[in-house]
Amino acid sequence: LVMLFLFAVIVLQYVCPGTECQLLRLRALSPAAAADPYR
């Protein structure tokens, strides 16, 4: 389980480096972000 967890963390870092990635995905789904693409 520990090895699986570490593997998942490493894959997540390759797919989405940094903590901002999750925040950007949440912002992209919000209606305010869709209203102004130049923001």
Full PDB file with SEQRES, HELIX, SHEET, SSBOND, CRYST1, ORIGX, SCALE, CONECT and MASTER records, all heavy atoms in Angstrom:
SEQRES   1 A   39  LEU VAL MET LEU PHE LEU PHE ALA VAL ILE VAL LEU GLN          
SEQRES   2 A   39  TYR VAL CYS PRO GLY THR GLU CYS GLN LEU LEU ARG LEU          
SEQRES   3 A   39  ARG ALA LEU SER PRO ALA ALA ALA ALA ASP PRO TYR ARG          
HELIX    1 AA1 VAL A    2  VAL A   15  1                                  14    
HELIX    2 AA2 GLU A   20  LEU A   29  1                                  10    
HELIX    3 AA3 PRO A   31  ALA A   35  1                                   5    
SSBOND   1 CYS A   16    CYS A   21                          1555   1555  1.78  
CRYST1    1.000    1.000    1.000  90.00  90.00  90.00 P 1           1          
ORIGX1      1.000000  0.000000  0.000000        0.00000                         
ORIGX2      0.000000  1.000000  0.000000        0.00000                         
ORIGX3      0.000000  0.000000  1.000000        0.00000                         
SCALE1      1.000000  0.000000  0.000000        0.00000                         
SCALE2      0.000000  1.000000  0.000000        0.00000                         
SCALE3      0.000000  0.000000  1.000000        0.00000                         
ATOM      1  N   LEU A   1       0.824  -1.205   0.000  1.00  0.00           N  
ATOM      2  CA  LEU A   1       0.000   0.000   0.000  1.00  0.00           C  
ATOM      3  C   LEU A   1       0.862   1.259   0.000  1.00  0.00           C  
ATOM      4  O   LEU A   1       0.553   2.237  -0.705  1.00  0.00           O  
ATOM      5  CB  LEU A   1      -0.933   0.003   1.214  1.00  0.00           C  
ATOM      6  CG  LEU A   1      -2.091  -0.993   1.158  1.00  0.00           C  
ATOM      7  CD1 LEU A   1      -2.854  -0.988   2.463  1.00  0.00           C  
ATOM      8  CD2 LEU A   1      -3.011  -0.670   0.007  1.00  0.00           C  
ATOM      9  N   VAL A   2       1.943   1.264   0.784  1.00  0.00           N  
ATOM     10  CA  VAL A   2       2.850   2.403   0.809  1.00  0.00           C  
ATOM     11  C   VAL A   2       3.495   2.590  -0.556  1.00  0.00           C  
ATOM     12  O   VAL A   2       3.600   3.714  -1.068  1.00  0.00           O  
ATOM     13  CB  VAL A   2       3.913   2.229   1.929  1.00  0.00           C  
ATOM     14  CG1 VAL A   2       5.009   3.276   1.801  1.00  0.00           C  
ATOM     15  CG2 VAL A   2       3.263   2.294   3.299  1.00  0.00           C  
ATOM     16  N   MET A   3       3.934   1.512  -1.174  1.00  0.00           N  
ATOM     17  CA  MET A   3       4.550   1.593  -2.520  1.00  0.00           C  
ATOM     18  C   MET A   3       3.525   2.106  -3.540  1.00  0.00           C  
ATOM     19  O   MET A   3       3.861   2.918  -4.400  1.00  0.00           O  
ATOM     20  CB  MET A   3       5.096   0.227  -2.945  1.00  0.00           C  
ATOM     21  CG  MET A   3       6.257  -0.256  -2.088  1.00  0.00           C  
ATOM     22  SD  MET A   3       7.661   0.842  -2.171  1.00  0.00           S  
ATOM     23  CE  MET A   3       8.311   0.405  -3.730  1.00  0.00           C  
ATOM     24  N   LEU A   4       2.288   1.655  -3.459  1.00  0.00           N  
ATOM     25  CA  LEU A   4       1.237   2.104  -4.369  1.00  0.00           C  
ATOM     26  C   LEU A   4       0.971   3.597  -4.179  1.00  0.00           C  
ATOM     27  O   LEU A   4       0.822   4.341  -5.154  1.00  0.00           O  
ATOM     28  CB  LEU A   4      -0.048   1.292  -4.141  1.00  0.00           C  
ATOM     29  CG  LEU A   4      -1.209   1.634  -5.068  1.00  0.00           C  
ATOM     30  CD1 LEU A   4      -0.840   1.309  -6.506  1.00  0.00           C  
ATOM     31  CD2 LEU A   4      -2.448   0.874  -4.650  1.00  0.00           C  
ATOM     32  N   PHE A   5       0.936   4.048  -2.936  1.00  0.00           N  
ATOM     33  CA  PHE A   5       0.736   5.456  -2.633  1.00  0.00           C  
ATOM     34  C   PHE A   5       1.879   6.305  -3.201  1.00  0.00           C  
ATOM     35  O   PHE A   5       1.647   7.338  -3.837  1.00  0.00           O  
ATOM     36  CB  PHE A   5       0.607   5.667  -1.112  1.00  0.00           C  
ATOM     37  CG  PHE A   5       0.490   7.106  -0.726  1.00  0.00           C  
ATOM     38  CD1 PHE A   5      -0.692   7.798  -0.928  1.00  0.00           C  
ATOM     39  CD2 PHE A   5       1.575   7.786  -0.175  1.00  0.00           C  
ATOM     40  CE1 PHE A   5      -0.804   9.136  -0.590  1.00  0.00           C  
ATOM     41  CE2 PHE A   5       1.469   9.118   0.168  1.00  0.00           C  
ATOM     42  CZ  PHE A   5       0.282   9.802  -0.040  1.00  0.00           C  
ATOM     43  N   LEU A   6       3.117   5.875  -2.995  1.00  0.00           N  
ATOM     44  CA  LEU A   6       4.265   6.608  -3.523  1.00  0.00           C  
ATOM     45  C   LEU A   6       4.249   6.643  -5.055  1.00  0.00           C  
ATOM     46  O   LEU A   6       4.558   7.670  -5.668  1.00  0.00           O  
ATOM     47  CB  LEU A   6       5.570   5.998  -3.012  1.00  0.00           C  
ATOM     48  CG  LEU A   6       5.860   6.223  -1.524  1.00  0.00           C  
ATOM     49  CD1 LEU A   6       7.107   5.444  -1.117  1.00  0.00           C  
ATOM     50  CD2 LEU A   6       6.031   7.694  -1.229  1.00  0.00           C  
ATOM     51  N   PHE A   7       3.873   5.537  -5.652  1.00  0.00           N  
ATOM     52  CA  PHE A   7       3.776   5.477  -7.112  1.00  0.00           C  
ATOM     53  C   PHE A   7       2.723   6.474  -7.611  1.00  0.00           C  
ATOM     54  O   PHE A   7       2.940   7.199  -8.580  1.00  0.00           O  
ATOM     55  CB  PHE A   7       3.438   4.057  -7.568  1.00  0.00           C  
ATOM     56  CG  PHE A   7       3.290   3.928  -9.052  1.00  0.00           C  
ATOM     57  CD1 PHE A   7       4.410   3.944  -9.883  1.00  0.00           C  
ATOM     58  CD2 PHE A   7       2.035   3.808  -9.646  1.00  0.00           C  
ATOM     59  CE1 PHE A   7       4.280   3.834 -11.249  1.00  0.00           C  
ATOM     60  CE2 PHE A   7       1.892   3.701 -11.008  1.00  0.00           C  
ATOM     61  CZ  PHE A   7       3.019   3.712 -11.817  1.00  0.00           C  
ATOM     62  N   ALA A   8       1.590   6.540  -6.926  1.00  0.00           N  
ATOM     63  CA  ALA A   8       0.525   7.463  -7.309  1.00  0.00           C  
ATOM     64  C   ALA A   8       0.978   8.915  -7.167  1.00  0.00           C  
ATOM     65  O   ALA A   8       0.679   9.759  -8.015  1.00  0.00           O  
ATOM     66  CB  ALA A   8      -0.723   7.205  -6.472  1.00  0.00           C  
ATOM     67  N   VAL A   9       1.723   9.230  -6.118  1.00  0.00           N  
ATOM     68  CA  VAL A   9       2.220  10.586  -5.911  1.00  0.00           C  
ATOM     69  C   VAL A   9       3.207  10.956  -7.016  1.00  0.00           C  
ATOM     70  O   VAL A   9       3.177  12.070  -7.560  1.00  0.00           O  
ATOM     71  CB  VAL A   9       2.857  10.728  -4.506  1.00  0.00           C  
ATOM     72  CG1 VAL A   9       3.628  12.030  -4.386  1.00  0.00           C  
ATOM     73  CG2 VAL A   9       1.790  10.627  -3.431  1.00  0.00           C  
ATOM     74  N   ILE A  10       4.082  10.037  -7.365  1.00  0.00           N  
ATOM     75  CA  ILE A  10       5.065  10.304  -8.426  1.00  0.00           C  
ATOM     76  C   ILE A  10       4.363  10.521  -9.764  1.00  0.00           C  
ATOM     77  O   ILE A  10       4.682  11.455 -10.503  1.00  0.00           O  
ATOM     78  CB  ILE A  10       6.097   9.153  -8.504  1.00  0.00           C  
ATOM     79  CG1 ILE A  10       6.972   9.168  -7.245  1.00  0.00           C  
ATOM     80  CG2 ILE A  10       6.943   9.276  -9.766  1.00  0.00           C  
ATOM     81  CD1 ILE A  10       7.866   7.960  -7.108  1.00  0.00           C  
ATOM     82  N   VAL A  11       3.383   9.686 -10.089  1.00  0.00           N  
ATOM     83  CA  VAL A  11       2.639   9.843 -11.340  1.00  0.00           C  
ATOM     84  C   VAL A  11       1.906  11.178 -11.348  1.00  0.00           C  
ATOM     85  O   VAL A  11       1.896  11.891 -12.355  1.00  0.00           O  
ATOM     86  CB  VAL A  11       1.660   8.664 -11.549  1.00  0.00           C  
ATOM     87  CG1 VAL A  11       0.683   8.954 -12.680  1.00  0.00           C  
ATOM     88  CG2 VAL A  11       2.427   7.389 -11.830  1.00  0.00           C  
ATOM     89  N   LEU A  12       1.306  11.557 -10.230  1.00  0.00           N  
ATOM     90  CA  LEU A  12       0.602  12.825 -10.142  1.00  0.00           C  
ATOM     91  C   LEU A  12       1.558  14.002 -10.380  1.00  0.00           C  
ATOM     92  O   LEU A  12       1.193  14.975 -11.045  1.00  0.00           O  
ATOM     93  CB  LEU A  12      -0.079  12.966  -8.779  1.00  0.00           C  
ATOM     94  CG  LEU A  12      -0.881  14.244  -8.576  1.00  0.00           C  
ATOM     95  CD1 LEU A  12      -2.040  14.290  -9.562  1.00  0.00           C  
ATOM     96  CD2 LEU A  12      -1.382  14.344  -7.158  1.00  0.00           C  
ATOM     97  N   GLN A  13       2.766  13.907  -9.876  1.00  0.00           N  
ATOM     98  CA  GLN A  13       3.742  14.973 -10.075  1.00  0.00           C  
ATOM     99  C   GLN A  13       4.147  15.104 -11.550  1.00  0.00           C  
ATOM    100  O   GLN A  13       4.407  16.199 -12.028  1.00  0.00           O  
ATOM    101  CB  GLN A  13       4.990  14.751  -9.203  1.00  0.00           C  
ATOM    102  CG  GLN A  13       4.739  14.994  -7.731  1.00  0.00           C  
ATOM    103  CD  GLN A  13       4.319  16.435  -7.480  1.00  0.00           C  
ATOM    104  OE1 GLN A  13       4.932  17.369  -7.957  1.00  0.00           O  
ATOM    105  NE2 GLN A  13       3.252  16.615  -6.722  1.00  0.00           N  
ATOM    106  N   TYR A  14       4.206  13.989 -12.260  1.00  0.00           N  
ATOM    107  CA  TYR A  14       4.522  14.049 -13.689  1.00  0.00           C  
ATOM    108  C   TYR A  14       3.353  14.600 -14.494  1.00  0.00           C  
ATOM    109  O   TYR A  14       3.533  15.382 -15.416  1.00  0.00           O  
ATOM    110  CB  TYR A  14       4.910  12.667 -14.229  1.00  0.00           C  
ATOM    111  CG  TYR A  14       6.340  12.315 -13.988  1.00  0.00           C  
ATOM    112  CD1 TYR A  14       6.686  11.354 -13.052  1.00  0.00           C  
ATOM    113  CD2 TYR A  14       7.354  12.945 -14.690  1.00  0.00           C  
ATOM    114  CE1 TYR A  14       8.012  11.023 -12.817  1.00  0.00           C  
ATOM    115  CE2 TYR A  14       8.681  12.630 -14.472  1.00  0.00           C  
ATOM    116  CZ  TYR A  14       9.004  11.672 -13.531  1.00  0.00           C  
ATOM    117  OH  TYR A  14      10.301  11.360 -13.314  1.00  0.00           O  
ATOM    118  N   VAL A  15       2.158  14.171 -14.133  1.00  0.00           N  
ATOM    119  CA  VAL A  15       0.974  14.599 -14.866  1.00  0.00           C  
ATOM    120  C   VAL A  15       0.624  16.042 -14.545  1.00  0.00           C  
ATOM    121  O   VAL A  15       0.252  16.819 -15.419  1.00  0.00           O  
ATOM    122  CB  VAL A  15      -0.217  13.663 -14.552  1.00  0.00           C  
ATOM    123  CG1 VAL A  15      -1.505  14.193 -15.153  1.00  0.00           C  
ATOM    124  CG2 VAL A  15       0.071  12.267 -15.064  1.00  0.00           C  
ATOM    125  N   CYS A  16       0.746  16.417 -13.282  1.00  0.00           N  
ATOM    126  CA  CYS A  16       0.320  17.737 -12.837  1.00  0.00           C  
ATOM    127  C   CYS A  16       1.311  18.268 -11.812  1.00  0.00           C  
ATOM    128  O   CYS A  16       1.076  18.160 -10.611  1.00  0.00           O  
ATOM    129  CB  CYS A  16      -1.081  17.617 -12.251  1.00  0.00           C  
ATOM    130  SG  CYS A  16      -1.778  19.176 -11.769  1.00  0.00           S  
ATOM    131  N   PRO A  17       2.431  18.833 -12.219  1.00  0.00           N  
ATOM    132  CA  PRO A  17       3.420  19.309 -11.259  1.00  0.00           C  
ATOM    133  C   PRO A  17       2.916  20.530 -10.484  1.00  0.00           C  
ATOM    134  O   PRO A  17       2.212  21.368 -11.022  1.00  0.00           O  
ATOM    135  CB  PRO A  17       4.626  19.668 -12.117  1.00  0.00           C  
ATOM    136  CG  PRO A  17       4.074  19.902 -13.461  1.00  0.00           C  
ATOM    137  CD  PRO A  17       2.857  19.047 -13.582  1.00  0.00           C  
ATOM    138  N   GLY A  18       3.291  20.610  -9.232  1.00  0.00           N  
ATOM    139  CA  GLY A  18       2.919  21.752  -8.389  1.00  0.00           C  
ATOM    140  C   GLY A  18       1.513  21.636  -7.842  1.00  0.00           C  
ATOM    141  O   GLY A  18       0.715  20.810  -8.264  1.00  0.00           O  
ATOM    142  N   THR A  19       1.193  22.508  -6.909  1.00  0.00           N  
ATOM    143  CA  THR A  19      -0.131  22.471  -6.293  1.00  0.00           C  
ATOM    144  C   THR A  19      -1.129  23.322  -7.053  1.00  0.00           C  
ATOM    145  O   THR A  19      -2.320  23.201  -6.850  1.00  0.00           O  
ATOM    146  CB  THR A  19      -0.048  22.985  -4.838  1.00  0.00           C  
ATOM    147  OG1 THR A  19       0.492  24.300  -4.871  1.00  0.00           O  
ATOM    148  CG2 THR A  19       0.809  22.074  -3.991  1.00  0.00           C  
ATOM    149  N   GLU A  20      -0.661  24.197  -7.938  1.00  0.00           N  
ATOM    150  CA  GLU A  20      -1.567  25.080  -8.667  1.00  0.00           C  
ATOM    151  C   GLU A  20      -2.424  24.333  -9.674  1.00  0.00           C  
ATOM    152  O   GLU A  20      -3.463  24.817 -10.074  1.00  0.00           O  
ATOM    153  CB  GLU A  20      -0.774  26.163  -9.383  1.00  0.00           C  
ATOM    154  CG  GLU A  20      -0.101  27.117  -8.434  1.00  0.00           C  
ATOM    155  CD  GLU A  20       0.678  28.181  -9.181  1.00  0.00           C  
ATOM    156  OE1 GLU A  20       0.545  28.250 -10.412  1.00  0.00           O  
ATOM    157  OE2 GLU A  20       1.403  28.915  -8.530  1.00  0.00           O  
ATOM    158  N   CYS A  21      -2.001  23.182 -10.108  1.00  0.00           N  
ATOM    159  CA  CYS A  21      -2.723  22.445 -11.136  1.00  0.00           C  
ATOM    160  C   CYS A  21      -4.155  22.141 -10.691  1.00  0.00           C  
ATOM    161  O   CYS A  21      -5.094  22.366 -11.435  1.00  0.00           O  
ATOM    162  CB  CYS A  21      -1.983  21.158 -11.469  1.00  0.00           C  
ATOM    163  SG  CYS A  21      -2.740  20.245 -12.826  1.00  0.00           S  
ATOM    164  N   GLN A  22      -4.322  21.655  -9.496  1.00  0.00           N  
ATOM    165  CA  GLN A  22      -5.657  21.340  -9.015  1.00  0.00           C  
ATOM    166  C   GLN A  22      -6.495  22.615  -8.900  1.00  0.00           C  
ATOM    167  O   GLN A  22      -7.677  22.626  -9.223  1.00  0.00           O  
ATOM    168  CB  GLN A  22      -5.603  20.640  -7.637  1.00  0.00           C  
ATOM    169  CG  GLN A  22      -5.085  19.228  -7.694  1.00  0.00           C  
ATOM    170  CD  GLN A  22      -3.563  19.171  -7.687  1.00  0.00           C  
ATOM    171  OE1 GLN A  22      -2.891  20.162  -7.431  1.00  0.00           O  
ATOM    172  NE2 GLN A  22      -3.013  18.008  -7.986  1.00  0.00           N  
ATOM    173  N   LEU A  23      -5.884  23.716  -8.452  1.00  0.00           N  
ATOM    174  CA  LEU A  23      -6.619  24.968  -8.327  1.00  0.00           C  
ATOM    175  C   LEU A  23      -7.030  25.505  -9.697  1.00  0.00           C  
ATOM    176  O   LEU A  23      -8.127  26.026  -9.862  1.00  0.00           O  
ATOM    177  CB  LEU A  23      -5.767  25.998  -7.583  1.00  0.00           C  
ATOM    178  CG  LEU A  23      -5.410  25.657  -6.131  1.00  0.00           C  
ATOM    179  CD1 LEU A  23      -4.455  26.702  -5.577  1.00  0.00           C  
ATOM    180  CD2 LEU A  23      -6.664  25.572  -5.290  1.00  0.00           C  
ATOM    181  N   LEU A  24      -6.150  25.363 -10.693  1.00  0.00           N  
ATOM    182  CA  LEU A  24      -6.485  25.837 -12.032  1.00  0.00           C  
ATOM    183  C   LEU A  24      -7.629  25.037 -12.630  1.00  0.00           C  
ATOM    184  O   LEU A  24      -8.484  25.581 -13.323  1.00  0.00           O  
ATOM    185  CB  LEU A  24      -5.266  25.770 -12.949  1.00  0.00           C  
ATOM    186  CG  LEU A  24      -4.142  26.752 -12.640  1.00  0.00           C  
ATOM    187  CD1 LEU A  24      -2.969  26.496 -13.572  1.00  0.00           C  
ATOM    188  CD2 LEU A  24      -4.627  28.166 -12.769  1.00  0.00           C  
ATOM    189  N   ARG A  25      -7.650  23.747 -12.373  1.00  0.00           N  
ATOM    190  CA  ARG A  25      -8.756  22.928 -12.886  1.00  0.00           C  
ATOM    191  C   ARG A  25     -10.070  23.363 -12.259  1.00  0.00           C  
ATOM    192  O   ARG A  25     -11.084  23.431 -12.923  1.00  0.00           O  
ATOM    193  CB  ARG A  25      -8.496  21.456 -12.573  1.00  0.00           C  
ATOM    194  CG  ARG A  25      -7.502  20.829 -13.476  1.00  0.00           C  
ATOM    195  CD  ARG A  25      -7.474  19.335 -13.277  1.00  0.00           C  
ATOM    196  NE  ARG A  25      -6.308  18.799 -13.918  1.00  0.00           N  
ATOM    197  CZ  ARG A  25      -5.626  17.758 -13.482  1.00  0.00           C  
ATOM    198  NH1 ARG A  25      -6.010  17.131 -12.399  1.00  0.00           N  
ATOM    199  NH2 ARG A  25      -4.567  17.328 -14.126  1.00  0.00           N  
ATOM    200  N   LEU A  26     -10.063  23.659 -10.973  1.00  0.00           N  
ATOM    201  CA  LEU A  26     -11.279  24.104 -10.313  1.00  0.00           C  
ATOM    202  C   LEU A  26     -11.709  25.471 -10.841  1.00  0.00           C  
ATOM    203  O   LEU A  26     -12.885  25.716 -11.055  1.00  0.00           O  
ATOM    204  CB  LEU A  26     -11.077  24.156  -8.792  1.00  0.00           C  
ATOM    205  CG  LEU A  26     -10.873  22.798  -8.105  1.00  0.00           C  
ATOM    206  CD1 LEU A  26     -10.576  22.999  -6.630  1.00  0.00           C  
ATOM    207  CD2 LEU A  26     -12.088  21.910  -8.294  1.00  0.00           C  
ATOM    208  N   ARG A  27     -10.774  26.379 -11.090  1.00  0.00           N  
ATOM    209  CA  ARG A  27     -11.101  27.693 -11.633  1.00  0.00           C  
ATOM    210  C   ARG A  27     -11.650  27.579 -13.055  1.00  0.00           C  
ATOM    211  O   ARG A  27     -12.532  28.313 -13.444  1.00  0.00           O  
ATOM    212  CB  ARG A  27      -9.862  28.582 -11.662  1.00  0.00           C  
ATOM    213  CG  ARG A  27      -9.645  29.311 -10.385  1.00  0.00           C  
ATOM    214  CD  ARG A  27      -8.618  30.400 -10.620  1.00  0.00           C  
ATOM    215  NE  ARG A  27      -7.772  30.476  -9.453  1.00  0.00           N  
ATOM    216  CZ  ARG A  27      -6.534  30.865  -9.446  1.00  0.00           C  
ATOM    217  NH1 ARG A  27      -5.956  31.199 -10.578  1.00  0.00           N  
ATOM    218  NH2 ARG A  27      -5.844  30.920  -8.345  1.00  0.00           N  
ATOM    219  N   ALA A  28     -11.082  26.665 -13.819  1.00  0.00           N  
ATOM    220  CA  ALA A  28     -11.527  26.505 -15.207  1.00  0.00           C  
ATOM    221  C   ALA A  28     -12.967  26.028 -15.268  1.00  0.00           C  
ATOM    222  O   ALA A  28     -13.674  26.312 -16.230  1.00  0.00           O  
ATOM    223  CB  ALA A  28     -10.617  25.535 -15.944  1.00  0.00           C  
ATOM    224  N   LEU A  29     -13.410  25.300 -14.264  1.00  0.00           N  
ATOM    225  CA  LEU A  29     -14.775  24.803 -14.257  1.00  0.00           C  
ATOM    226  C   LEU A  29     -15.767  25.828 -13.730  1.00  0.00           C  
ATOM    227  O   LEU A  29     -16.963  25.677 -13.902  1.00  0.00           O  
ATOM    228  CB  LEU A  29     -14.860  23.526 -13.400  1.00  0.00           C  
ATOM    229  CG  LEU A  29     -14.035  22.340 -13.916  1.00  0.00           C  
ATOM    230  CD1 LEU A  29     -14.106  21.181 -12.937  1.00  0.00           C  
ATOM    231  CD2 LEU A  29     -14.516  21.908 -15.292  1.00  0.00           C  
ATOM    232  N   SER A  30     -15.287  26.875 -13.091  1.00  0.00           N  
ATOM    233  CA  SER A  30     -16.191  27.879 -12.531  1.00  0.00           C  
ATOM    234  C   SER A  30     -16.762  28.752 -13.649  1.00  0.00           C  
ATOM    235  O   SER A  30     -16.105  29.003 -14.648  1.00  0.00           O  
ATOM    236  CB  SER A  30     -15.464  28.745 -11.506  1.00  0.00           C  
ATOM    237  OG  SER A  30     -14.535  29.582 -12.159  1.00  0.00           O  
ATOM    238  N   PRO A  31     -18.011  29.246 -13.495  1.00  0.00           N  
ATOM    239  CA  PRO A  31     -18.623  30.056 -14.557  1.00  0.00           C  
ATOM    240  C   PRO A  31     -17.916  31.379 -14.799  1.00  0.00           C  
ATOM    241  O   PRO A  31     -17.906  31.882 -15.905  1.00  0.00           O  
ATOM    242  CB  PRO A  31     -20.051  30.299 -14.050  1.00  0.00           C  
ATOM    243  CG  PRO A  31     -20.177  29.642 -12.727  1.00  0.00           C  
ATOM    244  CD  PRO A  31     -18.887  28.986 -12.384  1.00  0.00           C  
ATOM    245  N   ALA A  32     -17.277  31.953 -13.779  1.00  0.00           N  
ATOM    246  CA  ALA A  32     -16.590  33.239 -13.966  1.00  0.00           C  
ATOM    247  C   ALA A  32     -15.416  33.094 -14.914  1.00  0.00           C  
ATOM    248  O   ALA A  32     -15.135  33.982 -15.710  1.00  0.00           O  
ATOM    249  CB  ALA A  32     -16.122  33.772 -12.617  1.00  0.00           C  
ATOM    250  N   ALA A  33     -14.700  31.979 -14.857  1.00  0.00           N  
ATOM    251  CA  ALA A  33     -13.551  31.770 -15.734  1.00  0.00           C  
ATOM    252  C   ALA A  33     -13.992  31.606 -17.178  1.00  0.00           C  
ATOM    253  O   ALA A  33     -13.322  32.040 -18.099  1.00  0.00           O  
ATOM    254  CB  ALA A  33     -12.751  30.559 -15.276  1.00  0.00           C  
ATOM    255  N   ALA A  34     -15.135  30.964 -17.374  1.00  0.00           N  
ATOM    256  CA  ALA A  34     -15.626  30.745 -18.731  1.00  0.00           C  
ATOM    257  C   ALA A  34     -16.120  32.045 -19.365  1.00  0.00           C  
ATOM    258  O   ALA A  34     -16.106  32.190 -20.563  1.00  0.00           O  
ATOM    259  CB  ALA A  34     -16.734  29.709 -18.725  1.00  0.00           C  
ATOM    260  N   ALA A  35     -16.542  33.009 -18.544  1.00  0.00           N  
ATOM    261  CA  ALA A  35     -17.092  34.246 -19.069  1.00  0.00           C  
ATOM    262  C   ALA A  35     -16.019  35.134 -19.701  1.00  0.00           C  
ATOM    263  O   ALA A  35     -16.284  35.813 -20.669  1.00  0.00           O  
ATOM    264  CB  ALA A  35     -17.802  35.004 -17.953  1.00  0.00           C  
ATOM    265  N   ASP A  36     -14.803  35.154 -19.160  1.00  0.00           N  
ATOM    266  CA  ASP A  36     -13.758  36.029 -19.669  1.00  0.00           C  
ATOM    267  C   ASP A  36     -12.492  35.240 -19.963  1.00  0.00           C  
ATOM    268  O   ASP A  36     -11.690  34.993 -19.072  1.00  0.00           O  
ATOM    269  CB  ASP A  36     -13.457  37.141 -18.653  1.00  0.00           C  
ATOM    270  CG  ASP A  36     -12.470  38.160 -19.203  1.00  0.00           C  
ATOM    271  OD1 ASP A  36     -12.159  38.090 -20.407  1.00  0.00           O  
ATOM    272  OD2 ASP A  36     -12.020  39.018 -18.424  1.00  0.00           O  
ATOM    273  N   PRO A  37     -12.298  34.834 -21.206  1.00  0.00           N  
ATOM    274  CA  PRO A  37     -11.114  34.032 -21.529  1.00  0.00           C  
ATOM    275  C   PRO A  37      -9.813  34.813 -21.450  1.00  0.00           C  
ATOM    276  O   PRO A  37      -8.737  34.240 -21.475  1.00  0.00           O  
ATOM    277  CB  PRO A  37     -11.378  33.557 -22.961  1.00  0.00           C  
ATOM    278  CG  PRO A  37     -12.300  34.576 -23.522  1.00  0.00           C  
ATOM    279  CD  PRO A  37     -13.136  35.066 -22.368  1.00  0.00           C  
ATOM    280  N   TYR A  38      -9.881  36.158 -21.359  1.00  0.00           N  
ATOM    281  CA  TYR A  38      -8.672  36.969 -21.312  1.00  0.00           C  
ATOM    282  C   TYR A  38      -8.246  37.312 -19.892  1.00  0.00           C  
ATOM    283  O   TYR A  38      -7.284  38.025 -19.701  1.00  0.00           O  
ATOM    284  CB  TYR A  38      -8.877  38.259 -22.125  1.00  0.00           C  
ATOM    285  CG  TYR A  38      -9.193  37.969 -23.561  1.00  0.00           C  
ATOM    286  CD1 TYR A  38     -10.478  38.120 -24.052  1.00  0.00           C  
ATOM    287  CD2 TYR A  38      -8.215  37.495 -24.423  1.00  0.00           C  
ATOM    288  CE1 TYR A  38     -10.774  37.824 -25.364  1.00  0.00           C  
ATOM    289  CE2 TYR A  38      -8.503  37.196 -25.729  1.00  0.00           C  
ATOM    290  CZ  TYR A  38      -9.779  37.365 -26.192  1.00  0.00           C  
ATOM    291  OH  TYR A  38     -10.070  37.073 -27.491  1.00  0.00           O  
ATOM    292  N   ARG A  39      -8.978  36.824 -18.895  1.00  0.00           N  
ATOM    293  CA  ARG A  39      -8.621  37.093 -17.509  1.00  0.00           C  
ATOM    294  C   ARG A  39      -7.362  36.330 -17.149  1.00  0.00           C  
ATOM    295  O   ARG A  39      -7.242  35.142 -17.430  1.00  0.00           O  
ATOM    296  CB  ARG A  39      -9.766  36.669 -16.581  1.00  0.00           C  
ATOM    297  CG  ARG A  39      -9.569  37.193 -15.158  1.00  0.00           C  
ATOM    298  CD  ARG A  39     -10.637  36.681 -14.263  1.00  0.00           C  
ATOM    299  NE  ARG A  39     -10.245  35.335 -13.894  1.00  0.00           N  
ATOM    300  CZ  ARG A  39     -11.058  34.408 -13.427  1.00  0.00           C  
ATOM    301  NH1 ARG A  39     -12.323  34.662 -13.290  1.00  0.00           N  
ATOM    302  NH2 ARG A  39     -10.614  33.228 -13.103  1.00  0.00           N  
TER     303      ARG A  39                                                      
CONECT  130  163                                                                
CONECT  163  130                                                                
MASTER        0    0    0    3    0    0    0    6  302    1    2    3          
END                                                                             
